[in-house]
Protein backbone atom coordinates (compact mmCIF):
# COMPACT_ATOMS: atom_id res chain seq x y z
CA UNK A 1 0.00 0.00 0.00
CA UNK A 2 1.44 3.42 -0.95
CA UNK A 3 2.41 5.86 1.76
CA UNK A 4 0.41 9.01 2.24
CA UNK A 5 2.17 12.34 1.88
CA UNK A 6 1.67 12.90 5.60
CA UNK A 7 3.45 9.63 6.49
CA UNK A 8 6.28 10.37 4.03
CA UNK A 9 6.77 13.81 5.58
CA UNK A 10 6.80 12.33 9.10
CA UNK A 11 9.43 9.74 8.13
CA UNK A 12 11.62 12.40 6.50
CA UNK A 13 11.26 14.65 9.55
CA UNK A 14 12.12 11.88 12.02
CA UNK A 15 15.11 10.66 9.98
CA UNK A 16 16.48 14.18 9.60
CA UNK A 17 16.21 14.76 13.34
CA UNK A 18 17.90 11.40 14.03
CA UNK A 19 20.87 12.46 11.89
CA UNK A 20 20.96 16.04 13.16
CA UNK A 21 23.30 16.96 15.98
CA UNK A 22 20.74 19.19 17.67
CA UNK A 23 17.52 17.37 16.80
CA UNK A 24 15.69 15.24 19.30
CA UNK A 25 13.40 12.33 18.51
CA UNK A 26 10.92 11.04 21.03
CA UNK A 27 10.79 7.33 21.76
CA UNK A 28 7.17 7.13 20.60
CA UNK A 29 8.19 8.61 17.22
CA UNK A 30 10.94 6.00 16.83
CA UNK A 31 8.53 3.22 17.75
CA UNK A 32 5.91 4.50 15.29
CA UNK A 33 8.45 4.68 12.46
CA UNK A 34 9.90 1.26 13.29
CA UNK A 35 6.46 -0.38 13.26
CA UNK A 36 5.56 1.34 10.00
CA UNK A 37 8.83 0.22 8.39
CA UNK A 38 8.24 -3.36 9.53
CA UNK A 39 4.89 -3.45 7.75
CA UNK A 40 5.35 -1.13 4.75
CA UNK A 41 8.01 -1.64 2.07
CA UNK A 42 7.87 1.98 0.85
CA UNK A 43 8.39 3.29 4.38
CA UNK A 44 11.33 0.90 4.88
CA UNK A 45 12.93 1.96 1.59
CA UNK A 46 12.46 5.67 2.31
CA UNK A 47 13.93 5.44 5.82
CA UNK A 48 16.79 3.29 4.56
CA UNK A 49 17.60 5.74 1.77
CA UNK A 50 17.63 8.66 4.21
CA UNK A 51 19.63 7.02 6.98
CA UNK A 52 21.97 4.80 4.91
CA UNK A 53 22.17 6.36 1.44
CA UNK A 54 25.52 4.72 0.64
CA UNK A 55 24.44 1.15 1.39
CA UNK A 56 25.96 -1.29 -1.08
CA UNK A 57 24.36 -4.73 -0.91
CA UNK A 58 26.50 -7.84 -0.65
CA UNK A 59 26.01 -9.61 -3.95
CA UNK A 60 26.47 -13.03 -2.34
CA UNK A 61 23.90 -12.54 0.42
CA UNK A 62 20.89 -12.19 -1.86
CA UNK A 63 19.83 -9.12 0.13
CA UNK A 64 19.12 -6.15 -2.14
CA UNK A 65 18.72 -3.55 0.62
CA UNK A 66 15.15 -2.80 -0.40
CA UNK A 67 16.25 -1.21 -3.64
PDB file of N, CA and C in Angstrom:
ATOM      1  N   UNK A   1       0.841  -1.180   0.000  1.00  0.00           N
ATOM      2  CA  UNK A   1       0.000   0.000   0.000  1.00  0.00           C
ATOM      3  C   UNK A   1       0.889   1.247   0.000  1.00  0.00           C
ATOM      4  N   UNK A   2       0.604   2.212  -0.870  1.00  0.00           N
ATOM      5  CA  UNK A   2       1.436   3.416  -0.945  1.00  0.00           C
ATOM      6  C   UNK A   2       1.321   4.272   0.317  1.00  0.00           C
ATOM      7  N   UNK A   3       2.396   4.966   0.605  1.00  0.00           N
ATOM      8  CA  UNK A   3       2.414   5.861   1.761  1.00  0.00           C
ATOM      9  C   UNK A   3       1.715   7.170   1.442  1.00  0.00           C
ATOM     10  N   UNK A   4       1.015   7.696   2.414  1.00  0.00           N
ATOM     11  CA  UNK A   4       0.412   9.014   2.242  1.00  0.00           C
ATOM     12  C   UNK A   4       1.503  10.075   2.321  1.00  0.00           C
ATOM     13  N   UNK A   5       1.215  11.230   1.809  1.00  0.00           N
ATOM     14  CA  UNK A   5       2.168  12.343   1.877  1.00  0.00           C
ATOM     15  C   UNK A   5       2.481  12.677   3.330  1.00  0.00           C
ATOM     16  N   UNK A   6       1.479  12.603   4.176  1.00  0.00           N
ATOM     17  CA  UNK A   6       1.670  12.896   5.596  1.00  0.00           C
ATOM     18  C   UNK A   6       2.673  11.923   6.221  1.00  0.00           C
ATOM     19  N   UNK A   7       2.529  10.627   5.944  1.00  0.00           N
ATOM     20  CA  UNK A   7       3.454   9.633   6.491  1.00  0.00           C
ATOM     21  C   UNK A   7       4.857   9.820   5.924  1.00  0.00           C
ATOM     22  N   UNK A   8       4.959  10.114   4.630  1.00  0.00           N
ATOM     23  CA  UNK A   8       6.279  10.372   4.032  1.00  0.00           C
ATOM     24  C   UNK A   8       6.956  11.551   4.729  1.00  0.00           C
ATOM     25  N   UNK A   9       6.214  12.622   4.924  1.00  0.00           N
ATOM     26  CA  UNK A   9       6.772  13.808   5.581  1.00  0.00           C
ATOM     27  C   UNK A   9       7.213  13.507   7.008  1.00  0.00           C
ATOM     28  N   UNK A  10       6.431  12.691   7.729  1.00  0.00           N
ATOM     29  CA  UNK A  10       6.800  12.328   9.097  1.00  0.00           C
ATOM     30  C   UNK A  10       8.089  11.508   9.116  1.00  0.00           C
ATOM     31  N   UNK A  11       8.213  10.563   8.194  1.00  0.00           N
ATOM     32  CA  UNK A  11       9.432   9.743   8.129  1.00  0.00           C
ATOM     33  C   UNK A  11      10.641  10.615   7.825  1.00  0.00           C
ATOM     34  N   UNK A  12      10.515  11.514   6.854  1.00  0.00           N
ATOM     35  CA  UNK A  12      11.622  12.404   6.505  1.00  0.00           C
ATOM     36  C   UNK A  12      11.995  13.267   7.706  1.00  0.00           C
ATOM     37  N   UNK A  13      11.007  13.802   8.385  1.00  0.00           N
ATOM     38  CA  UNK A  13      11.261  14.646   9.551  1.00  0.00           C
ATOM     39  C   UNK A  13      11.987  13.871  10.645  1.00  0.00           C
ATOM     40  N   UNK A  14      11.507  12.685  10.959  1.00  0.00           N
ATOM     41  CA  UNK A  14      12.120  11.881  12.015  1.00  0.00           C
ATOM     42  C   UNK A  14      13.550  11.500  11.641  1.00  0.00           C
ATOM     43  N   UNK A  15      13.763  11.052  10.413  1.00  0.00           N
ATOM     44  CA  UNK A  15      15.114  10.658   9.982  1.00  0.00           C
ATOM     45  C   UNK A  15      16.071  11.839  10.007  1.00  0.00           C
ATOM     46  N   UNK A  16      15.616  12.991   9.575  1.00  0.00           N
ATOM     47  CA  UNK A  16      16.479  14.176   9.596  1.00  0.00           C
ATOM     48  C   UNK A  16      16.854  14.558  11.019  1.00  0.00           C
ATOM     49  N   UNK A  17      15.903  14.445  11.944  1.00  0.00           N
ATOM     50  CA  UNK A  17      16.208  14.759  13.342  1.00  0.00           C
ATOM     51  C   UNK A  17      17.121  13.711  13.966  1.00  0.00           C
ATOM     52  N   UNK A  18      17.000  12.435  13.533  1.00  0.00           N
ATOM     53  CA  UNK A  18      17.905  11.398  14.035  1.00  0.00           C
ATOM     54  C   UNK A  18      19.343  11.719  13.631  1.00  0.00           C
ATOM     55  N   UNK A  19      19.528  12.179  12.403  1.00  0.00           N
ATOM     56  CA  UNK A  19      20.866  12.462  11.888  1.00  0.00           C
ATOM     57  C   UNK A  19      21.414  13.811  12.336  1.00  0.00           C
ATOM     58  N   UNK A  20      20.554  14.704  12.751  1.00  0.00           N
ATOM     59  CA  UNK A  20      20.958  16.040  13.165  1.00  0.00           C
ATOM     60  C   UNK A  20      21.657  16.000  14.518  1.00  0.00           C
ATOM     61  N   UNK A  21      22.593  16.902  14.700  1.00  0.00           N
ATOM     62  CA  UNK A  21      23.303  16.960  15.977  1.00  0.00           C
ATOM     63  C   UNK A  21      22.470  17.637  17.059  1.00  0.00           C
ATOM     64  N   UNK A  22      21.531  18.487  16.669  1.00  0.00           N
ATOM     65  CA  UNK A  22      20.737  19.192  17.673  1.00  0.00           C
ATOM     66  C   UNK A  22      19.270  18.767  17.683  1.00  0.00           C
ATOM     67  N   UNK A  23      18.900  17.826  16.839  1.00  0.00           N
ATOM     68  CA  UNK A  23      17.521  17.365  16.803  1.00  0.00           C
ATOM     69  C   UNK A  23      17.262  16.280  17.831  1.00  0.00           C
ATOM     70  N   UNK A  24      16.072  16.282  18.358  1.00  0.00           N
ATOM     71  CA  UNK A  24      15.689  15.237  19.300  1.00  0.00           C
ATOM     72  C   UNK A  24      14.499  14.477  18.734  1.00  0.00           C
ATOM     73  N   UNK A  25      14.482  13.188  18.972  1.00  0.00           N
ATOM     74  CA  UNK A  25      13.398  12.330  18.506  1.00  0.00           C
ATOM     75  C   UNK A  25      12.858  11.593  19.713  1.00  0.00           C
ATOM     76  N   UNK A  26      11.564  11.712  19.911  1.00  0.00           N
ATOM     77  CA  UNK A  26      10.921  11.041  21.032  1.00  0.00           C
ATOM     78  C   UNK A  26      10.871   9.535  20.782  1.00  0.00           C
ATOM     79  N   UNK A  27      10.855   8.776  21.854  1.00  0.00           N
ATOM     80  CA  UNK A  27      10.785   7.328  21.758  1.00  0.00           C
ATOM     81  C   UNK A  27       9.536   6.877  21.006  1.00  0.00           C
ATOM     82  N   UNK A  28       8.409   7.526  21.279  1.00  0.00           N
ATOM     83  CA  UNK A  28       7.166   7.131  20.600  1.00  0.00           C
ATOM     84  C   UNK A  28       7.239   7.366  19.091  1.00  0.00           C
ATOM     85  N   UNK A  29       8.008   8.376  18.654  1.00  0.00           N
ATOM     86  CA  UNK A  29       8.194   8.609  17.222  1.00  0.00           C
ATOM     87  C   UNK A  29       9.043   7.499  16.602  1.00  0.00           C
ATOM     88  N   UNK A  30      10.085   7.088  17.315  1.00  0.00           N
ATOM     89  CA  UNK A  30      10.941   5.999  16.827  1.00  0.00           C
ATOM     90  C   UNK A  30      10.157   4.693  16.740  1.00  0.00           C
ATOM     91  N   UNK A  31       9.343   4.430  17.750  1.00  0.00           N
ATOM     92  CA  UNK A  31       8.527   3.215  17.753  1.00  0.00           C
ATOM     93  C   UNK A  31       7.535   3.240  16.597  1.00  0.00           C
ATOM     94  N   UNK A  32       6.869   4.376  16.383  1.00  0.00           N
ATOM     95  CA  UNK A  32       5.911   4.501  15.286  1.00  0.00           C
ATOM     96  C   UNK A  32       6.591   4.236  13.939  1.00  0.00           C
ATOM     97  N   UNK A  33       7.748   4.854  13.726  1.00  0.00           N
ATOM     98  CA  UNK A  33       8.449   4.681  12.457  1.00  0.00           C
ATOM     99  C   UNK A  33       8.930   3.241  12.294  1.00  0.00           C
ATOM    100  N   UNK A  34       9.430   2.635  13.358  1.00  0.00           N
ATOM    101  CA  UNK A  34       9.902   1.257  13.288  1.00  0.00           C
ATOM    102  C   UNK A  34       8.758   0.306  12.927  1.00  0.00           C
ATOM    103  N   UNK A  35       7.613   0.473  13.565  1.00  0.00           N
ATOM    104  CA  UNK A  35       6.461  -0.384  13.264  1.00  0.00           C
ATOM    105  C   UNK A  35       5.991  -0.180  11.825  1.00  0.00           C
ATOM    106  N   UNK A  36       5.971   1.069  11.379  1.00  0.00           N
ATOM    107  CA  UNK A  36       5.555   1.338   9.999  1.00  0.00           C
ATOM    108  C   UNK A  36       6.527   0.699   9.018  1.00  0.00           C
ATOM    109  N   UNK A  37       7.821   0.815   9.285  1.00  0.00           N
ATOM    110  CA  UNK A  37       8.833   0.225   8.392  1.00  0.00           C
ATOM    111  C   UNK A  37       8.769  -1.297   8.381  1.00  0.00           C
ATOM    112  N   UNK A  38       8.382  -1.903   9.484  1.00  0.00           N
ATOM    113  CA  UNK A  38       8.242  -3.363   9.527  1.00  0.00           C
ATOM    114  C   UNK A  38       7.116  -3.837   8.613  1.00  0.00           C
ATOM    115  N   UNK A  39       6.089  -3.024   8.463  1.00  0.00           N
ATOM    116  CA  UNK A  39       4.885  -3.451   7.746  1.00  0.00           C
ATOM    117  C   UNK A  39       4.700  -2.809   6.375  1.00  0.00           C
ATOM    118  N   UNK A  40       5.539  -1.837   6.018  1.00  0.00           N
ATOM    119  CA  UNK A  40       5.346  -1.134   4.755  1.00  0.00           C
ATOM    120  C   UNK A  40       6.684  -1.007   4.026  1.00  0.00           C
ATOM    121  N   UNK A  41       6.765  -1.621   2.854  1.00  0.00           N
ATOM    122  CA  UNK A  41       8.006  -1.637   2.075  1.00  0.00           C
ATOM    123  C   UNK A  41       8.438  -0.227   1.670  1.00  0.00           C
ATOM    124  N   UNK A  42       7.499   0.615   1.247  1.00  0.00           N
ATOM    125  CA  UNK A  42       7.872   1.978   0.846  1.00  0.00           C
ATOM    126  C   UNK A  42       8.439   2.774   2.013  1.00  0.00           C
ATOM    127  N   UNK A  43       7.876   2.599   3.191  1.00  0.00           N
ATOM    128  CA  UNK A  43       8.394   3.289   4.378  1.00  0.00           C
ATOM    129  C   UNK A  43       9.801   2.804   4.691  1.00  0.00           C
ATOM    130  N   UNK A  44      10.016   1.487   4.613  1.00  0.00           N
ATOM    131  CA  UNK A  44      11.332   0.901   4.883  1.00  0.00           C
ATOM    132  C   UNK A  44      12.369   1.414   3.889  1.00  0.00           C
ATOM    133  N   UNK A  45      11.999   1.478   2.609  1.00  0.00           N
ATOM    134  CA  UNK A  45      12.932   1.959   1.588  1.00  0.00           C
ATOM    135  C   UNK A  45      13.251   3.438   1.786  1.00  0.00           C
ATOM    136  N   UNK A  46      12.241   4.239   2.106  1.00  0.00           N
ATOM    137  CA  UNK A  46      12.461   5.669   2.314  1.00  0.00           C
ATOM    138  C   UNK A  46      13.381   5.905   3.514  1.00  0.00           C
ATOM    139  N   UNK A  47      13.092   5.269   4.629  1.00  0.00           N
ATOM    140  CA  UNK A  47      13.927   5.443   5.821  1.00  0.00           C
ATOM    141  C   UNK A  47      15.344   4.945   5.561  1.00  0.00           C
ATOM    142  N   UNK A  48      15.467   3.824   4.876  1.00  0.00           N
ATOM    143  CA  UNK A  48      16.787   3.292   4.560  1.00  0.00           C
ATOM    144  C   UNK A  48      17.581   4.220   3.664  1.00  0.00           C
ATOM    145  N   UNK A  49      16.917   4.819   2.684  1.00  0.00           N
ATOM    146  CA  UNK A  49      17.597   5.741   1.770  1.00  0.00           C
ATOM    147  C   UNK A  49      18.046   7.009   2.493  1.00  0.00           C
ATOM    148  N   UNK A  50      17.277   7.437   3.478  1.00  0.00           N
ATOM    149  CA  UNK A  50      17.630   8.656   4.208  1.00  0.00           C
ATOM    150  C   UNK A  50      18.735   8.416   5.231  1.00  0.00           C
ATOM    151  N   UNK A  51      18.683   7.281   5.906  1.00  0.00           N
ATOM    152  CA  UNK A  51      19.633   7.015   6.984  1.00  0.00           C
ATOM    153  C   UNK A  51      20.913   6.368   6.467  1.00  0.00           C
ATOM    154  N   UNK A  52      20.806   5.514   5.464  1.00  0.00           N
ATOM    155  CA  UNK A  52      21.971   4.803   4.915  1.00  0.00           C
ATOM    156  C   UNK A  52      22.018   4.952   3.396  1.00  0.00           C
ATOM    157  N   UNK A  53      22.234   6.163   2.889  1.00  0.00           N
ATOM    158  CA  UNK A  53      22.170   6.362   1.439  1.00  0.00           C
ATOM    159  C   UNK A  53      23.287   5.678   0.669  1.00  0.00           C
ATOM    160  N   UNK A  54      24.380   5.318   1.328  1.00  0.00           N
ATOM    161  CA  UNK A  54      25.523   4.715   0.638  1.00  0.00           C
ATOM    162  C   UNK A  54      25.590   3.209   0.818  1.00  0.00           C
ATOM    163  N   UNK A  55      24.472   2.593   1.180  1.00  0.00           N
ATOM    164  CA  UNK A  55      24.442   1.150   1.390  1.00  0.00           C
ATOM    165  C   UNK A  55      24.694   0.429   0.070  1.00  0.00           C
ATOM    166  N   UNK A  56      25.659  -0.476   0.094  1.00  0.00           N
ATOM    167  CA  UNK A  56      25.956  -1.293  -1.080  1.00  0.00           C
ATOM    168  C   UNK A  56      25.696  -2.738  -0.681  1.00  0.00           C
ATOM    169  N   UNK A  57      24.702  -3.365  -1.316  1.00  0.00           N
ATOM    170  CA  UNK A  57      24.362  -4.733  -0.912  1.00  0.00           C
ATOM    171  C   UNK A  57      25.473  -5.721  -1.228  1.00  0.00           C
ATOM    172  N   UNK A  58      25.555  -6.745  -0.416  1.00  0.00           N
ATOM    173  CA  UNK A  58      26.503  -7.839  -0.646  1.00  0.00           C
ATOM    174  C   UNK A  58      25.922  -8.735  -1.725  1.00  0.00           C
ATOM    175  N   UNK A  59      26.568  -8.870  -2.828  1.00  0.00           N
ATOM    176  CA  UNK A  59      26.008  -9.615  -3.952  1.00  0.00           C
ATOM    177  C   UNK A  59      25.842 -11.097  -3.653  1.00  0.00           C
ATOM    178  N   UNK A  60      26.574 -11.622  -2.666  1.00  0.00           N
ATOM    179  CA  UNK A  60      26.472 -13.031  -2.335  1.00  0.00           C
ATOM    180  C   UNK A  60      25.371 -13.330  -1.327  1.00  0.00           C
ATOM    181  N   UNK A  61      24.888 -12.299  -0.638  1.00  0.00           N
ATOM    182  CA  UNK A  61      23.904 -12.537   0.417  1.00  0.00           C
ATOM    183  C   UNK A  61      22.492 -12.689  -0.116  1.00  0.00           C
ATOM    184  N   UNK A  62      22.238 -12.166  -1.313  1.00  0.00           N
ATOM    185  CA  UNK A  62      20.894 -12.189  -1.860  1.00  0.00           C
ATOM    186  C   UNK A  62      20.030 -11.055  -1.352  1.00  0.00           C
ATOM    187  N   UNK A  63      20.570 -10.260  -0.420  1.00  0.00           N
ATOM    188  CA  UNK A  63      19.833  -9.117   0.127  1.00  0.00           C
ATOM    189  C   UNK A  63      20.061  -7.911  -0.758  1.00  0.00           C
ATOM    190  N   UNK A  64      18.978  -7.281  -1.229  1.00  0.00           N
ATOM    191  CA  UNK A  64      19.120  -6.145  -2.139  1.00  0.00           C
ATOM    192  C   UNK A  64      18.974  -4.803  -1.443  1.00  0.00           C
ATOM    193  N   UNK A  65      18.805  -4.793  -0.126  1.00  0.00           N
ATOM    194  CA  UNK A  65      18.718  -3.545   0.616  1.00  0.00           C
ATOM    195  C   UNK A  65      17.427  -2.788   0.395  1.00  0.00           C
ATOM    196  N   UNK A  66      16.419  -3.447  -0.154  1.00  0.00           N
ATOM    197  CA  UNK A  66      15.151  -2.801  -0.397  1.00  0.00           C
ATOM    198  C   UNK A  66      15.140  -1.926  -1.642  1.00  0.00           C
ATOM    199  N   UNK A  67      16.158  -2.035  -2.443  1.00  0.00           N
ATOM    200  CA  UNK A  67      16.247  -1.208  -3.642  1.00  0.00           C
ATOM    201  C   UNK A  67      15.592  -1.906  -4.801  1.00  0.00           C
TER     202      UNK A  67
END
